[in-house]
Amino acid sequence: MSNRARLALDPAFRIAPVEPRLFGSFVEHMGRCVYTGIFEPGHPHADADGFRTDVLDLVRELGVTLVRYPGGNFVSNYRWEDGVGPRDQRPTTLDLAWRSIEDNSFGLNEFMAWAAKAGVEPMMALNLGTRGVAEALQLVEYANHPGGTRMSELRRAHGADKPHDIRLWCLGNELDGPWQMGHKTAREYGRLAAETARALNRLDPGLALVACGSSNSSIPTFGAWEAEVLEETYELVDYISLHAYYDPGDGDADSFLASAADMEHMIRSIAATADHTAAKLRSRKRLKLSFDEWNVWYQSRFPGESGLEWARHPRLIEDSYDLTDAVVVGSLLITLLRNADRVGVACQAQLANVIAPIMTEPGGPAWRQTIFHPFALTARHARGQVLRVEPDCSTVRTAKHGEVPVVCATATHDPASGEIALFVVNRDRHRPCVLEVALPRGLVPVEHVELADADPCARNTSAEPERVVPRPGSGLSCQDGAAALTLPPTSWTLVRFASEE
């Protein structure tokens, strides 16, 4: 027996424009994300700079618009100076976050050269864990000042004649977490972030700054942290960050498939906290959110960094994703779009090998994980305005999130082409869902693809890289301003509608 659901698509019901920065990713000096991931001199597909061109091709196909760098936990014990200048003069150092040996052969200037080839905007994180205002100023001067000063001339001496002009900066990373190098209280961090922001805005007015928010929704300081931090920083920053990872490892499949309910809760809670701060400060400013770390992560399988042995770019949390994981990733993307009026930046963590859509082997192939596909198709087709879509459907009872709708959906409308793209997930693990869609007159379906499989544990590997791929859907009918289709159990679906003229 099938579930049934209905929704309406109307271009008049707009939430906000689709922000390109929602399709960001994350490159951290962690595991093999950088080394043998995006950067592998000597690889058969390496270019003159040592960048893997097979990976670059996949990054472009993925549709990434922005990449956050260099961390993550890594940044809170990082000296950016160690990663610039002649490679043979760079020191080998210890990364305390992931107990790795870092040779610093890839640093700021290499990242910026890679970002230019990938066609992505850089989002740079500052170390406010073990460093402070002075070091942040030096890095921004090195990166952005045209020339004629100590730090800008140092950059030019290192071969980067023109300034990098990085506009988006994170004021530290997860400093609410006791695992972080330089962990601080909200008041301590808020004061440091505020002083850093004031100094940076004097050095380079017009930078977009991200204050650290909570590292997850279950940390005891969630909400209270943001309230304290924003009292110090509200008028000085442009975003407050959120981080969330969702673990399927406890066997509660229904709660896992409803992970987007927690993401929605986080967004609404922190947006409300920010708005409350604005009211207290009598500010007219409406702060945006930066969801700059999100993904599925089998954290229950990770023993923790304290148990790691010192090693160079070890194989670290290289999770292999299945069909169910891809459906959850699709629902998280839907949720980010549904909240495009408040979320201005989002970064799936990470890009290569480490909980990533792209996997590589040293000296060998690169391939797409299952989670690659909903991201790539959403990034490619979500254009114009996000529409308000409220499915009328049954619910699923979950242990972690209560009653959640069986169907999770959003849509976008591109005024230039008139096209509407519908993105929809069926969370029911056992039953298909018959979906009825009310359409504006004159629109007909032009594409119908679905990510589904009889085996929800099916995954892609180097030996079988296309075991799970989007395939044309079947059974879609359309007449008299209405469409109907059947959503398979545990599935992600894209339907594009365009004018029949």
Protein backbone atom coordinates (compact mmCIF):
# COMPACT_ATOMS: atom_id res chain seq x y z
CA MET A 1 0.00 0.00 0.00
CA SER A 2 1.33 3.46 -0.93
CA ASN A 3 1.40 6.68 1.03
CA ARG A 4 -0.17 9.68 -0.65
CA ALA A 5 0.99 13.31 -0.62
CA ARG A 6 0.05 16.57 -2.30
CA LEU A 7 1.86 19.84 -2.83
CA ALA A 8 1.44 22.98 -4.93
CA LEU A 9 4.04 24.88 -6.92
CA ASP A 10 3.35 28.58 -7.35
CA PRO A 11 6.01 31.11 -8.45
CA ALA A 12 4.19 33.80 -6.46
CA PHE A 13 5.07 32.14 -3.14
CA ARG A 14 8.75 33.03 -2.84
CA ILE A 15 11.04 32.53 0.14
CA ALA A 16 14.29 34.10 -1.09
CA PRO A 17 16.71 34.01 -4.02
CA VAL A 18 18.87 30.92 -4.38
CA GLU A 19 22.20 31.97 -2.87
CA PRO A 20 25.13 30.43 -4.82
CA ARG A 21 27.11 30.20 -1.58
CA LEU A 22 24.71 27.48 -0.37
CA PHE A 23 26.62 25.01 -2.55
CA GLY A 24 29.91 25.28 -0.71
CA SER A 25 32.35 22.57 0.32
CA PHE A 26 35.25 22.26 2.71
CA VAL A 27 38.95 21.41 2.35
CA GLU A 28 40.73 20.78 5.64
CA HIS A 29 44.25 19.55 6.30
CA MET A 30 42.79 16.32 7.65
CA GLY A 31 43.45 12.77 6.55
CA ARG A 32 43.74 12.62 2.75
CA CYS A 33 41.54 15.55 1.84
CA VAL A 34 44.49 17.67 0.64
CA TYR A 35 47.34 15.21 0.18
CA THR A 36 46.43 12.48 -2.36
CA GLY A 37 42.98 14.06 -2.52
CA ILE A 38 43.06 17.36 -4.40
CA PHE A 39 46.90 17.58 -4.42
CA GLU A 40 49.18 14.76 -5.51
CA PRO A 41 52.33 15.69 -7.43
CA GLY A 42 53.46 12.76 -9.51
CA HIS A 43 49.97 11.36 -10.04
CA PRO A 44 49.27 10.43 -13.71
CA HIS A 45 46.56 13.12 -13.76
CA ALA A 46 48.52 15.79 -11.85
CA ASP A 47 49.06 19.12 -13.58
CA ALA A 48 52.19 21.27 -13.32
CA ASP A 49 51.07 22.52 -9.89
CA GLY A 50 50.50 19.02 -8.53
CA PHE A 51 46.69 19.31 -8.59
CA ARG A 52 44.79 16.19 -9.61
CA THR A 53 42.90 17.14 -12.78
CA ASP A 54 40.57 14.13 -12.44
CA VAL A 55 39.49 15.54 -9.09
CA LEU A 56 39.20 19.06 -10.49
CA ASP A 57 36.87 17.72 -13.18
CA LEU A 58 34.69 16.09 -10.52
CA VAL A 59 34.67 19.25 -8.41
CA ARG A 60 33.37 21.22 -11.40
CA GLU A 61 30.76 18.53 -12.10
CA LEU A 62 29.72 18.60 -8.44
CA GLY A 63 28.89 22.29 -8.85
CA VAL A 64 30.79 23.56 -5.82
CA THR A 65 30.74 27.36 -5.68
CA LEU A 66 32.74 28.05 -2.51
CA VAL A 67 35.35 26.17 -0.47
CA ARG A 68 36.19 26.74 3.20
CA TYR A 69 39.89 26.31 4.08
CA PRO A 70 42.13 25.24 5.95
CA GLY A 71 39.88 23.97 8.76
CA GLY A 72 38.10 22.92 10.83
CA ASN A 73 39.86 21.78 13.96
CA PHE A 74 43.16 21.95 12.09
CA VAL A 75 43.11 25.75 11.92
CA SER A 76 43.11 26.26 15.70
CA ASN A 77 46.74 25.18 15.99
CA TYR A 78 47.89 26.31 12.53
CA ARG A 79 50.60 28.82 11.66
CA TRP A 80 49.72 29.95 8.15
CA GLU A 81 53.28 31.25 7.69
CA ASP A 82 54.52 27.64 7.68
CA GLY A 83 52.64 27.01 4.43
CA VAL A 84 54.02 29.84 2.29
CA GLY A 85 57.35 30.54 0.63
CA PRO A 86 59.80 28.10 -1.00
CA ARG A 87 58.68 24.53 -0.32
CA ASP A 88 62.16 23.33 0.58
CA GLN A 89 62.25 25.91 3.37
CA ARG A 90 58.87 25.09 4.91
CA PRO A 91 58.96 23.30 8.27
CA THR A 92 57.44 19.94 9.07
CA THR A 93 55.05 20.43 11.99
CA LEU A 94 52.62 18.53 14.20
CA ASP A 95 48.88 18.98 13.73
CA LEU A 96 47.44 18.54 17.21
CA ALA A 97 43.84 18.35 16.01
CA TRP A 98 44.21 15.10 14.05
CA ARG A 99 47.63 13.93 15.35
CA SER A 100 49.10 14.20 11.87
CA ILE A 101 52.55 15.14 10.58
CA GLU A 102 52.17 18.14 8.29
CA ASP A 103 54.90 18.91 5.76
CA ASN A 104 53.24 22.19 4.69
CA SER A 105 53.88 21.58 1.00
CA PHE A 106 50.32 22.83 0.38
CA GLY A 107 49.38 26.19 1.87
CA LEU A 108 47.55 29.43 1.20
CA ASN A 109 49.02 30.24 -2.22
CA GLU A 110 48.59 26.67 -3.46
CA PHE A 111 44.99 26.69 -2.25
CA MET A 112 44.28 29.95 -4.04
CA ALA A 113 45.80 28.61 -7.27
CA TRP A 114 43.67 25.46 -6.91
CA ALA A 115 40.52 27.52 -6.18
CA ALA A 116 41.07 29.55 -9.35
CA LYS A 117 41.32 26.38 -11.42
CA ALA A 118 38.26 24.89 -9.73
CA GLY A 119 36.31 28.11 -10.22
CA VAL A 120 35.33 28.41 -6.54
CA GLU A 121 35.22 31.30 -4.10
CA PRO A 122 37.59 30.94 -1.12
CA MET A 123 36.30 31.08 2.45
CA MET A 124 39.29 31.41 4.76
CA ALA A 125 39.34 30.45 8.44
CA LEU A 126 41.48 32.31 10.97
CA ASN A 127 43.21 30.73 13.96
CA LEU A 128 41.63 32.28 17.05
CA GLY A 129 42.41 29.23 19.16
CA THR A 130 46.14 29.51 19.78
CA ARG A 131 46.61 32.88 18.05
CA GLY A 132 44.86 36.24 18.03
CA VAL A 133 44.28 39.69 16.55
CA ALA A 134 47.85 40.41 15.42
CA GLU A 135 48.24 37.14 13.51
CA ALA A 136 44.82 37.57 11.88
CA LEU A 137 45.80 41.04 10.69
CA GLN A 138 49.06 39.73 9.26
CA LEU A 139 47.30 37.00 7.30
CA VAL A 140 44.68 39.34 5.82
CA GLU A 141 47.39 41.86 4.90
CA TYR A 142 49.42 39.10 3.25
CA ALA A 143 46.38 37.82 1.34
CA ASN A 144 44.59 41.02 0.38
CA HIS A 145 46.80 44.12 0.44
CA PRO A 146 48.05 45.08 -3.07
CA GLY A 147 51.69 45.78 -2.17
CA GLY A 148 54.17 48.13 -0.62
CA THR A 149 53.94 46.74 2.92
CA ARG A 150 55.90 44.07 4.74
CA MET A 151 53.29 41.31 4.46
CA SER A 152 52.05 42.15 0.97
CA GLU A 153 55.58 42.31 -0.39
CA LEU A 154 56.27 38.97 1.26
CA ARG A 155 53.36 37.51 -0.72
CA ARG A 156 54.70 39.01 -3.91
CA ALA A 157 58.12 37.57 -3.15
CA HIS A 158 56.43 34.19 -2.85
CA GLY A 159 55.18 34.46 -6.43
CA ALA A 160 51.65 35.82 -5.88
CA ASP A 161 52.00 39.27 -7.40
CA LYS A 162 48.32 40.19 -7.28
CA PRO A 163 46.35 40.18 -4.02
CA HIS A 164 44.08 37.20 -3.47
CA ASP A 165 41.20 39.50 -2.43
CA ILE A 166 39.55 36.95 -0.14
CA ARG A 167 36.26 38.46 1.01
CA LEU A 168 34.80 35.79 3.33
CA TRP A 169 36.57 35.00 6.64
CA CYS A 170 35.72 32.74 9.59
CA LEU A 171 36.67 34.13 13.00
CA GLY A 172 37.97 30.81 14.31
CA ASN A 173 36.39 27.38 14.41
CA GLU A 174 34.22 25.52 16.97
CA LEU A 175 35.71 27.33 19.94
CA ASP A 176 32.69 26.26 22.00
CA GLY A 177 34.04 22.68 21.90
CA PRO A 178 36.37 21.33 24.62
CA TRP A 179 38.16 19.33 21.89
CA GLN A 180 39.31 22.55 20.20
CA MET A 181 42.82 23.93 20.65
CA GLY A 182 42.22 27.20 22.51
CA HIS A 183 38.69 26.32 23.66
CA LYS A 184 37.02 29.38 25.19
CA THR A 185 33.91 30.42 27.03
CA ALA A 186 31.34 32.33 25.04
CA ARG A 187 32.33 35.59 26.72
CA GLU A 188 36.04 35.02 26.07
CA TYR A 189 35.45 34.14 22.47
CA GLY A 190 32.96 36.93 21.90
CA ARG A 191 35.42 39.57 23.09
CA LEU A 192 38.26 38.15 20.96
CA ALA A 193 36.03 37.86 17.88
CA ALA A 194 34.79 41.41 18.32
CA GLU A 195 38.30 42.86 18.64
CA THR A 196 39.48 40.85 15.64
CA ALA A 197 36.51 42.01 13.58
CA ARG A 198 37.11 45.67 14.46
CA ALA A 199 40.76 45.41 13.47
CA LEU A 200 40.05 43.55 10.22
CA ASN A 201 37.42 46.06 9.17
CA ARG A 202 39.97 48.85 9.60
CA LEU A 203 42.52 46.95 7.53
CA ASP A 204 40.15 45.89 4.73
CA PRO A 205 36.64 47.38 4.92
CA GLY A 206 33.96 45.28 3.30
CA LEU A 207 35.11 41.86 4.44
CA ALA A 208 32.31 39.41 5.25
CA LEU A 209 32.96 37.89 8.69
CA VAL A 210 31.58 34.72 10.29
CA ALA A 211 31.42 34.39 14.07
CA CYS A 212 31.63 30.90 15.59
CA GLY A 213 28.30 29.47 16.60
CA SER A 214 27.60 26.08 18.14
CA SER A 215 29.41 23.01 16.87
CA ASN A 216 26.25 20.87 17.20
CA SER A 217 22.73 21.03 18.61
CA SER A 218 23.38 18.62 21.49
CA ILE A 219 26.25 20.53 23.09
CA PRO A 220 25.07 21.91 26.48
CA THR A 221 25.76 25.54 25.49
CA PHE A 222 23.67 25.44 22.28
CA GLY A 223 21.73 28.69 21.97
CA ALA A 224 23.24 30.24 25.09
CA TRP A 225 26.63 30.39 23.33
CA GLU A 226 25.19 32.34 20.40
CA ALA A 227 23.34 34.73 22.70
CA GLU A 228 26.54 35.68 24.53
CA VAL A 229 28.76 35.79 21.45
CA LEU A 230 26.32 37.95 19.48
CA GLU A 231 25.98 40.48 22.28
CA GLU A 232 29.66 41.26 21.61
CA THR A 233 29.76 40.83 17.84
CA TYR A 234 26.30 41.45 16.37
CA GLU A 235 27.06 44.73 14.61
CA LEU A 236 30.56 43.58 13.57
CA VAL A 237 29.88 40.30 11.76
CA ASP A 238 27.75 39.18 8.83
CA TYR A 239 27.10 35.56 9.80
CA ILE A 240 26.93 33.23 12.79
CA SER A 241 28.01 29.64 12.03
CA LEU A 242 26.28 26.31 12.62
CA HIS A 243 27.77 22.82 12.35
CA ALA A 244 25.96 19.47 12.25
CA TYR A 245 26.82 15.89 11.36
CA TYR A 246 24.31 13.05 11.23
CA ASP A 247 25.30 9.51 12.21
CA PRO A 248 23.42 6.49 10.85
CA GLY A 249 25.52 4.14 12.93
CA ASP A 250 23.13 3.57 15.84
CA GLY A 251 20.69 1.56 13.72
CA ASP A 252 17.74 3.95 14.11
CA ALA A 253 17.05 4.27 10.39
CA ASP A 254 13.80 6.24 10.72
CA SER A 255 15.44 8.93 12.86
CA PHE A 256 18.41 9.06 10.51
CA LEU A 257 16.17 9.59 7.49
CA ALA A 258 14.57 12.46 9.42
CA SER A 259 17.92 14.16 10.20
CA ALA A 260 16.80 17.28 8.35
CA ALA A 261 14.34 17.90 11.18
CA ASP A 262 17.30 18.60 13.46
CA MET A 263 18.91 20.85 10.86
CA GLU A 264 15.65 22.81 10.59
CA HIS A 265 15.49 23.06 14.40
CA MET A 266 19.03 24.40 14.53
CA ILE A 267 18.41 27.00 11.84
CA ARG A 268 15.20 28.26 13.40
CA SER A 269 16.63 28.29 16.92
CA ILE A 270 19.76 30.25 16.03
CA ALA A 271 17.84 32.62 13.76
CA ALA A 272 15.50 33.31 16.69
CA THR A 273 18.47 33.86 19.01
CA ALA A 274 20.02 36.30 16.54
CA ASP A 275 16.72 38.17 16.15
CA HIS A 276 16.35 38.37 19.93
CA THR A 277 19.82 39.86 20.17
CA ALA A 278 18.91 42.39 17.49
CA ALA A 279 15.84 43.39 19.48
CA LYS A 280 17.89 43.78 22.68
CA LEU A 281 20.44 45.93 20.86
CA ARG A 282 17.73 47.87 18.98
CA SER A 283 19.45 46.89 15.75
CA ARG A 284 17.77 46.96 12.34
CA LYS A 285 20.29 44.45 11.01
CA ARG A 286 19.09 40.92 10.17
CA LEU A 287 21.94 38.49 10.65
CA LYS A 288 22.43 35.59 8.25
CA LEU A 289 23.58 32.07 9.16
CA SER A 290 26.58 30.16 7.80
CA PHE A 291 26.01 26.39 7.95
CA ASP A 292 29.65 25.88 7.09
CA GLU A 293 30.00 22.25 8.20
CA TRP A 294 27.30 19.68 7.49
CA ASN A 295 27.17 16.10 6.26
CA VAL A 296 26.51 12.47 7.13
CA TRP A 297 29.33 11.12 9.29
CA TYR A 298 29.57 7.67 10.91
CA GLN A 299 30.95 9.24 14.09
CA SER A 300 30.14 6.13 16.13
CA ARG A 301 32.87 4.33 14.14
CA PHE A 302 35.51 6.99 14.83
CA PRO A 303 37.55 6.19 17.97
CA GLY A 304 38.48 9.83 18.56
CA GLU A 305 41.61 11.78 17.78
CA SER A 306 43.31 10.87 21.07
CA GLY A 307 43.65 7.27 19.90
CA LEU A 308 45.32 8.12 16.60
CA GLU A 309 48.99 7.39 15.89
CA TRP A 310 51.15 10.19 14.47
CA ALA A 311 51.17 9.78 10.68
CA ARG A 312 51.40 11.70 7.40
CA HIS A 313 48.02 12.14 5.71
CA PRO A 314 46.52 8.94 7.18
CA ARG A 315 43.32 7.33 5.95
CA LEU A 316 41.01 9.09 8.37
CA ILE A 317 37.18 8.80 8.52
CA GLU A 318 36.90 7.73 4.88
CA ASP A 319 33.26 6.76 5.19
CA SER A 320 31.73 4.78 2.32
CA TYR A 321 28.23 6.12 1.67
CA ASP A 322 25.19 4.10 0.68
CA LEU A 323 21.87 4.97 -0.95
CA THR A 324 20.24 5.90 2.37
CA ASP A 325 23.07 8.33 3.15
CA ALA A 326 22.55 9.99 -0.23
CA VAL A 327 18.83 10.40 0.43
CA VAL A 328 19.61 12.08 3.76
CA VAL A 329 22.11 14.40 2.07
CA GLY A 330 19.39 15.27 -0.46
CA SER A 331 17.00 16.14 2.38
CA LEU A 332 19.62 18.33 4.06
CA LEU A 333 20.08 20.26 0.81
CA ILE A 334 16.31 20.66 0.60
CA THR A 335 16.31 22.08 4.13
CA LEU A 336 19.06 24.57 3.36
CA LEU A 337 17.07 25.81 0.37
CA ARG A 338 13.85 25.95 2.39
CA ASN A 339 15.64 28.32 4.75
CA ALA A 340 17.39 30.43 2.11
CA ASP A 341 15.98 33.58 3.68
CA ARG A 342 18.30 33.01 6.68
CA VAL A 343 21.10 30.66 5.53
CA GLY A 344 23.51 32.57 3.32
CA VAL A 345 26.47 30.16 3.30
CA ALA A 346 26.66 26.36 3.56
CA CYS A 347 29.61 23.98 3.21
CA GLN A 348 29.35 20.22 2.94
CA ALA A 349 32.31 18.75 4.81
CA GLN A 350 34.54 17.63 3.24
CA LEU A 351 35.37 17.59 -0.46
CA ALA A 352 37.71 14.62 -1.00
CA ASN A 353 38.21 11.33 0.87
CA VAL A 354 37.31 12.57 4.38
CA ILE A 355 33.51 12.05 4.72
CA ALA A 356 33.40 13.22 1.12
CA PRO A 357 31.44 13.02 -2.12
CA ILE A 358 34.69 12.39 -4.04
CA MET A 359 37.01 9.47 -3.28
CA THR A 360 40.52 8.89 -4.62
CA GLU A 361 43.28 6.35 -4.48
CA PRO A 362 46.93 7.50 -4.38
CA GLY A 363 48.26 7.05 -7.89
CA GLY A 364 44.89 5.61 -8.88
CA PRO A 365 41.33 6.55 -9.79
CA ALA A 366 38.83 9.05 -8.45
CA TRP A 367 35.12 8.30 -8.24
CA ARG A 368 31.78 9.69 -7.12
CA GLN A 369 30.23 8.51 -3.87
CA THR A 370 26.44 8.17 -3.68
CA ILE A 371 26.15 11.54 -1.92
CA PHE A 372 27.77 13.24 -4.91
CA HIS A 373 24.61 12.96 -6.98
CA PRO A 374 21.94 14.88 -5.02
CA PHE A 375 24.45 17.68 -4.42
CA ALA A 376 25.45 17.92 -8.10
CA LEU A 377 21.89 17.89 -9.41
CA THR A 378 20.64 20.38 -6.82
CA ALA A 379 23.56 22.74 -7.47
CA ARG A 380 22.95 22.48 -11.20
CA HIS A 381 19.19 23.04 -11.24
CA ALA A 382 18.34 25.18 -8.19
CA ARG A 383 18.11 28.59 -9.84
CA GLY A 384 16.23 31.83 -9.31
CA GLN A 385 13.84 31.94 -6.34
CA VAL A 386 13.16 29.29 -3.70
CA LEU A 387 9.43 28.63 -3.52
CA ARG A 388 7.42 27.93 -0.39
CA VAL A 389 6.37 24.28 -0.66
CA GLU A 390 4.33 22.65 2.11
CA PRO A 391 3.53 18.99 1.40
CA ASP A 392 0.25 17.60 2.70
CA CYS A 393 1.21 14.07 3.71
CA SER A 394 1.27 11.47 6.45
CA THR A 395 4.01 11.35 9.07
CA VAL A 396 6.62 8.94 10.37
CA ARG A 397 7.16 8.57 14.11
CA THR A 398 10.85 8.76 15.03
CA ALA A 399 12.62 8.26 18.36
CA LYS A 400 14.81 11.35 18.02
CA HIS A 401 12.65 13.86 16.17
CA GLY A 402 9.06 12.90 16.93
CA GLU A 403 6.53 12.96 14.11
CA VAL A 404 8.06 14.08 10.81
CA PRO A 405 6.46 14.36 7.36
CA VAL A 406 6.99 11.39 5.05
CA VAL A 407 7.75 13.81 2.22
CA CYS A 408 10.48 16.48 2.42
CA ALA A 409 10.37 18.88 -0.52
CA THR A 410 11.30 22.24 -1.94
CA ALA A 411 11.28 23.88 -5.36
CA THR A 412 12.93 26.73 -7.21
CA HIS A 413 11.67 28.97 -10.00
CA ASP A 414 13.97 30.55 -12.56
CA PRO A 415 12.21 33.71 -13.85
CA ALA A 416 14.58 33.92 -16.82
CA SER A 417 13.60 30.53 -18.24
CA GLY A 418 10.30 30.01 -16.46
CA GLU A 419 11.52 26.60 -15.28
CA ILE A 420 10.51 25.11 -11.93
CA ALA A 421 12.70 22.44 -10.34
CA LEU A 422 11.11 20.21 -7.68
CA PHE A 423 13.35 18.36 -5.22
CA VAL A 424 11.64 15.74 -3.07
CA VAL A 425 12.52 12.92 -0.66
CA ASN A 426 10.41 9.96 0.43
CA ARG A 427 11.50 9.07 3.97
CA ASP A 428 9.41 5.92 4.24
CA ARG A 429 11.71 2.89 4.16
CA HIS A 430 9.05 0.42 3.09
CA ARG A 431 6.29 2.10 1.10
CA PRO A 432 6.26 4.19 -2.05
CA CYS A 433 4.45 7.52 -2.03
CA VAL A 434 2.07 8.73 -4.72
CA LEU A 435 2.73 12.48 -5.03
CA GLU A 436 0.23 14.84 -6.65
CA VAL A 437 1.66 18.19 -7.76
CA ALA A 438 -0.49 21.24 -8.56
CA LEU A 439 1.25 23.23 -11.31
CA PRO A 440 0.87 26.60 -12.98
CA ARG A 441 -0.90 26.20 -16.31
CA GLY A 442 1.34 25.68 -19.32
CA LEU A 443 4.10 23.78 -17.52
CA VAL A 444 5.03 20.23 -18.43
CA PRO A 445 7.75 17.89 -17.10
CA VAL A 446 11.00 17.94 -19.08
CA GLU A 447 13.14 15.79 -16.78
CA HIS A 448 12.40 13.21 -14.09
CA VAL A 449 15.30 11.50 -12.33
CA GLU A 450 15.45 9.57 -9.09
CA LEU A 451 18.08 8.19 -6.76
CA ALA A 452 16.68 4.91 -5.48
CA ASP A 453 17.66 1.27 -5.18
CA ALA A 454 16.12 -2.01 -4.10
CA ASP A 455 19.06 -2.27 -1.69
CA PRO A 456 19.21 0.84 0.56
CA CYS A 457 22.73 -0.20 1.56
CA ALA A 458 24.04 -0.14 -2.03
CA ARG A 459 27.17 1.98 -2.43
CA ASN A 460 29.78 3.00 -4.99
CA THR A 461 33.36 1.73 -4.87
CA SER A 462 36.47 2.02 -7.00
CA ALA A 463 35.62 -1.39 -8.48
CA GLU A 464 31.95 -0.49 -9.03
CA PRO A 465 31.87 3.34 -9.19
CA GLU A 466 28.40 3.58 -10.77
CA ARG A 467 26.47 1.09 -8.69
CA VAL A 468 24.23 3.93 -7.44
CA VAL A 469 23.53 6.74 -9.90
CA PRO A 470 20.51 8.90 -10.74
CA ARG A 471 18.26 7.15 -13.26
CA PRO A 472 15.26 8.30 -15.27
CA GLY A 473 12.07 8.00 -13.27
CA SER A 474 8.98 6.31 -14.62
CA GLY A 475 5.24 6.68 -14.24
CA LEU A 476 5.07 10.49 -14.26
CA SER A 477 1.83 11.83 -15.75
CA CYS A 478 0.77 15.42 -16.31
CA GLN A 479 -2.50 17.00 -17.49
CA ASP A 480 -4.71 20.00 -16.76
CA GLY A 481 -2.23 21.75 -14.46
CA ALA A 482 -1.49 18.69 -12.34
CA ALA A 483 1.25 16.09 -12.27
CA ALA A 484 1.41 12.77 -10.49
CA LEU A 485 4.36 10.49 -9.81
CA THR A 486 5.32 7.67 -7.49
CA LEU A 487 8.28 8.16 -5.16
CA PRO A 488 10.09 4.90 -4.38
CA PRO A 489 10.81 4.06 -0.72
CA THR A 490 13.96 5.78 0.61
CA SER A 491 14.44 7.93 -2.46
CA TRP A 492 15.47 11.37 -3.70
CA THR A 493 13.77 12.72 -6.82
CA LEU A 494 14.20 15.70 -9.14
CA VAL A 495 11.47 16.82 -11.54
CA ARG A 496 11.96 19.79 -13.83
CA PHE A 497 8.96 21.56 -15.34
CA ALA A 498 9.12 24.02 -18.24
CA SER A 499 6.76 25.75 -20.64
CA GLU A 500 5.27 23.43 -23.25
CA GLU A 501 5.64 26.16 -25.91
